[in-house]
Protein backbone atom coordinates (compact mmCIF):
# COMPACT_ATOMS: atom_id res chain seq x y z
CA MET A 1 -97.89 314.83 65.04
CA GLN A 2 -98.31 317.73 62.59
CA SER A 3 -99.91 320.97 63.65
CA SER A 4 -102.94 322.10 61.67
CA ALA A 5 -100.81 324.82 60.05
CA GLN A 6 -98.47 322.14 58.70
CA SER A 7 -101.01 319.77 57.19
CA GLY A 8 -100.71 319.72 53.43
CA ALA A 9 -97.37 321.54 53.54
CA THR A 10 -94.37 320.76 51.38
CA ARG A 11 -90.82 320.85 52.76
CA LEU A 12 -88.29 322.48 50.49
CA GLY A 13 -85.16 321.21 52.18
CA VAL A 14 -84.80 324.31 54.34
CA ALA A 15 -84.89 323.32 58.00
CA ASN A 16 -88.28 324.03 59.54
CA THR A 17 -89.32 326.32 56.70
CA LEU A 18 -92.58 325.26 55.11
CA LEU A 19 -94.40 326.34 52.02
CA LEU A 20 -97.98 325.25 51.63
CA ASN A 21 -99.14 323.41 48.60
CA PRO A 22 -100.63 326.08 46.30
CA LYS A 23 -103.99 324.33 46.50
CA GLY A 24 -103.92 324.83 50.29
CA GLY A 25 -103.37 328.58 50.51
CA THR A 26 -100.48 330.39 52.11
CA LEU A 27 -98.60 330.21 55.36
CA SER A 28 -97.43 332.85 57.80
CA ARG A 29 -94.22 332.78 59.83
CA LEU A 30 -92.96 329.29 60.59
CA ASP A 31 -89.33 329.33 61.78
CA LEU A 32 -88.07 331.64 59.04
CA HIS A 33 -85.13 332.52 61.26
CA GLN A 34 -83.66 329.20 60.14
CA LEU A 35 -83.71 330.17 56.46
CA PRO A 36 -80.04 330.26 55.37
CA ASP A 37 -78.71 333.78 54.81
CA ASP A 38 -77.39 332.90 51.36
CA LYS A 39 -80.65 331.36 50.03
CA PRO A 40 -81.90 333.50 47.08
CA VAL A 41 -85.32 334.93 47.94
CA PHE A 42 -87.95 337.46 46.95
CA ALA A 43 -88.77 339.87 49.80
CA CYS A 44 -91.37 342.58 50.35
CA ALA A 45 -90.04 345.94 49.12
CA LYS A 46 -91.83 347.74 51.96
CA CYS A 47 -90.74 345.70 55.02
CA SER A 48 -88.16 343.14 53.71
CA GLU A 49 -90.18 340.10 54.86
CA VAL A 50 -89.26 336.99 52.85
CA LEU A 51 -92.11 336.10 50.46
CA ALA A 52 -90.73 333.30 48.28
CA LEU A 53 -87.64 331.28 47.47
CA GLN A 54 -86.03 331.68 44.05
CA ASP A 55 -86.42 327.91 43.64
CA GLU A 56 -90.21 328.44 43.46
CA LEU A 57 -89.95 330.72 40.37
CA VAL A 58 -91.87 329.31 37.38
CA SER A 59 -91.66 332.20 34.89
CA GLN A 60 -90.43 335.78 34.62
CA ALA A 61 -92.56 336.44 31.53
CA PHE A 62 -95.67 337.83 33.24
CA THR A 63 -97.19 341.28 33.53
CA GLY A 64 -98.81 342.65 36.67
CA ARG A 65 -100.70 345.87 37.36
CA SER A 66 -97.47 347.83 37.65
CA GLY A 67 -95.37 346.10 35.00
CA ARG A 68 -93.15 343.01 35.09
CA ALA A 69 -94.22 340.14 37.35
CA TYR A 70 -93.12 336.63 38.30
CA LEU A 71 -95.19 333.43 38.36
CA MET A 72 -94.40 331.40 41.51
CA ASN A 73 -95.27 327.87 42.61
CA SER A 74 -95.70 329.02 46.21
CA THR A 75 -95.18 331.89 48.65
CA ILE A 76 -94.58 332.27 52.38
CA ASN A 77 -95.51 335.04 54.82
CA THR A 78 -98.47 336.07 52.70
CA ASN A 79 -102.22 336.37 53.17
CA LEU A 80 -104.96 336.17 50.55
CA GLY A 81 -107.71 338.72 50.00
CA LYS A 82 -111.20 338.00 48.69
CA ARG A 83 -111.74 335.98 45.54
CA GLU A 84 -112.83 338.05 42.56
CA GLU A 85 -113.20 337.86 38.80
CA ARG A 86 -110.57 340.00 37.07
CA LYS A 87 -110.00 340.72 33.40
CA LEU A 88 -106.35 340.07 32.68
CA ILE A 89 -104.37 340.06 29.44
CA THR A 90 -105.16 336.37 28.90
CA GLY A 91 -108.87 336.58 29.78
CA ARG A 92 -111.11 336.60 32.85
CA HIS A 93 -109.58 334.77 35.80
CA THR A 94 -110.72 334.16 39.36
CA VAL A 95 -107.96 335.57 41.57
CA ALA A 96 -107.31 336.72 45.12
CA ASP A 97 -104.95 339.57 45.96
CA LEU A 98 -101.77 338.55 47.78
CA HIS A 99 -100.61 340.63 50.76
CA CYS A 100 -97.42 340.61 52.81
CA ALA A 101 -98.33 339.08 56.19
CA SER A 102 -95.97 341.47 57.97
CA CYS A 103 -96.96 344.90 56.59
CA ASP A 104 -100.12 344.08 54.56
CA ALA A 105 -98.64 345.56 51.35
CA GLU A 106 -100.28 344.17 48.21
CA VAL A 107 -97.53 342.22 46.45
CA GLY A 108 -99.45 340.32 43.75
CA TRP A 109 -102.26 337.77 43.47
CA MET A 110 -103.08 334.07 43.41
CA TYR A 111 -104.69 332.43 40.39
CA ILE A 112 -107.68 330.43 41.62
CA LYS A 113 -109.45 329.59 38.35
CA ALA A 114 -108.43 330.13 34.75
CA PRO A 115 -110.90 330.64 31.87
CA THR A 116 -109.59 328.01 29.44
CA GLY A 117 -107.62 324.78 29.41
CA ASP A 118 -104.49 326.37 28.02
CA GLN A 119 -104.43 328.79 30.99
CA ARG A 120 -105.07 326.18 33.71
CA TYR A 121 -101.35 325.77 34.48
CA LYS A 122 -101.67 329.07 36.41
CA GLU A 123 -104.29 327.73 38.84
CA GLY A 124 -102.96 327.51 42.38
CA ARG A 125 -99.90 329.59 41.51
CA TYR A 126 -98.96 333.11 42.51
CA ILE A 127 -97.92 336.36 40.86
CA LEU A 128 -95.36 338.57 42.60
CA GLU A 129 -95.13 342.04 41.07
CA GLU A 130 -91.56 343.23 40.52
CA ALA A 131 -92.40 346.77 41.71
CA GLN A 132 -93.53 345.39 45.10
CA ILE A 133 -90.62 343.06 45.82
CA VAL A 134 -86.83 342.93 45.98
CA LYS A 135 -84.42 340.10 45.19
CA GLU A 136 -82.05 339.22 48.02
CA ASN A 137 -79.08 336.87 48.55
CA ASN A 138 -76.93 335.57 45.69
CA TRP A 139 -79.37 335.52 42.78
CA ARG A 140 -78.27 333.34 39.86
């Protein structure tokens, strides 16, 4: 039987490590100690908590508040802030700030609703800002 925290989750082939479907929000701390040491990840620059696997990277061609940013399919160990309308380079989007679940540092945002059809691929995906994260473990 699945726990309520696991419903709607997607396994990524890492034992007991779950990432929620982007439509379902984010997940905090489920057996991350079993994440292999050599798995390439993004981690919080402030506390080193793992935030996403490199395999979840969609694009490196994004801009955040502080410069370069990465579009991700999913994140782990993160919490969402309130939904809000925000004017971004590509128009007004409905977003929610993304915080590290360990230290509460703001590390990016989640796209909830995009303004036009050509921007809808972002919905349910996440931005991690390069200035707020570090790359760890054998990046390719």
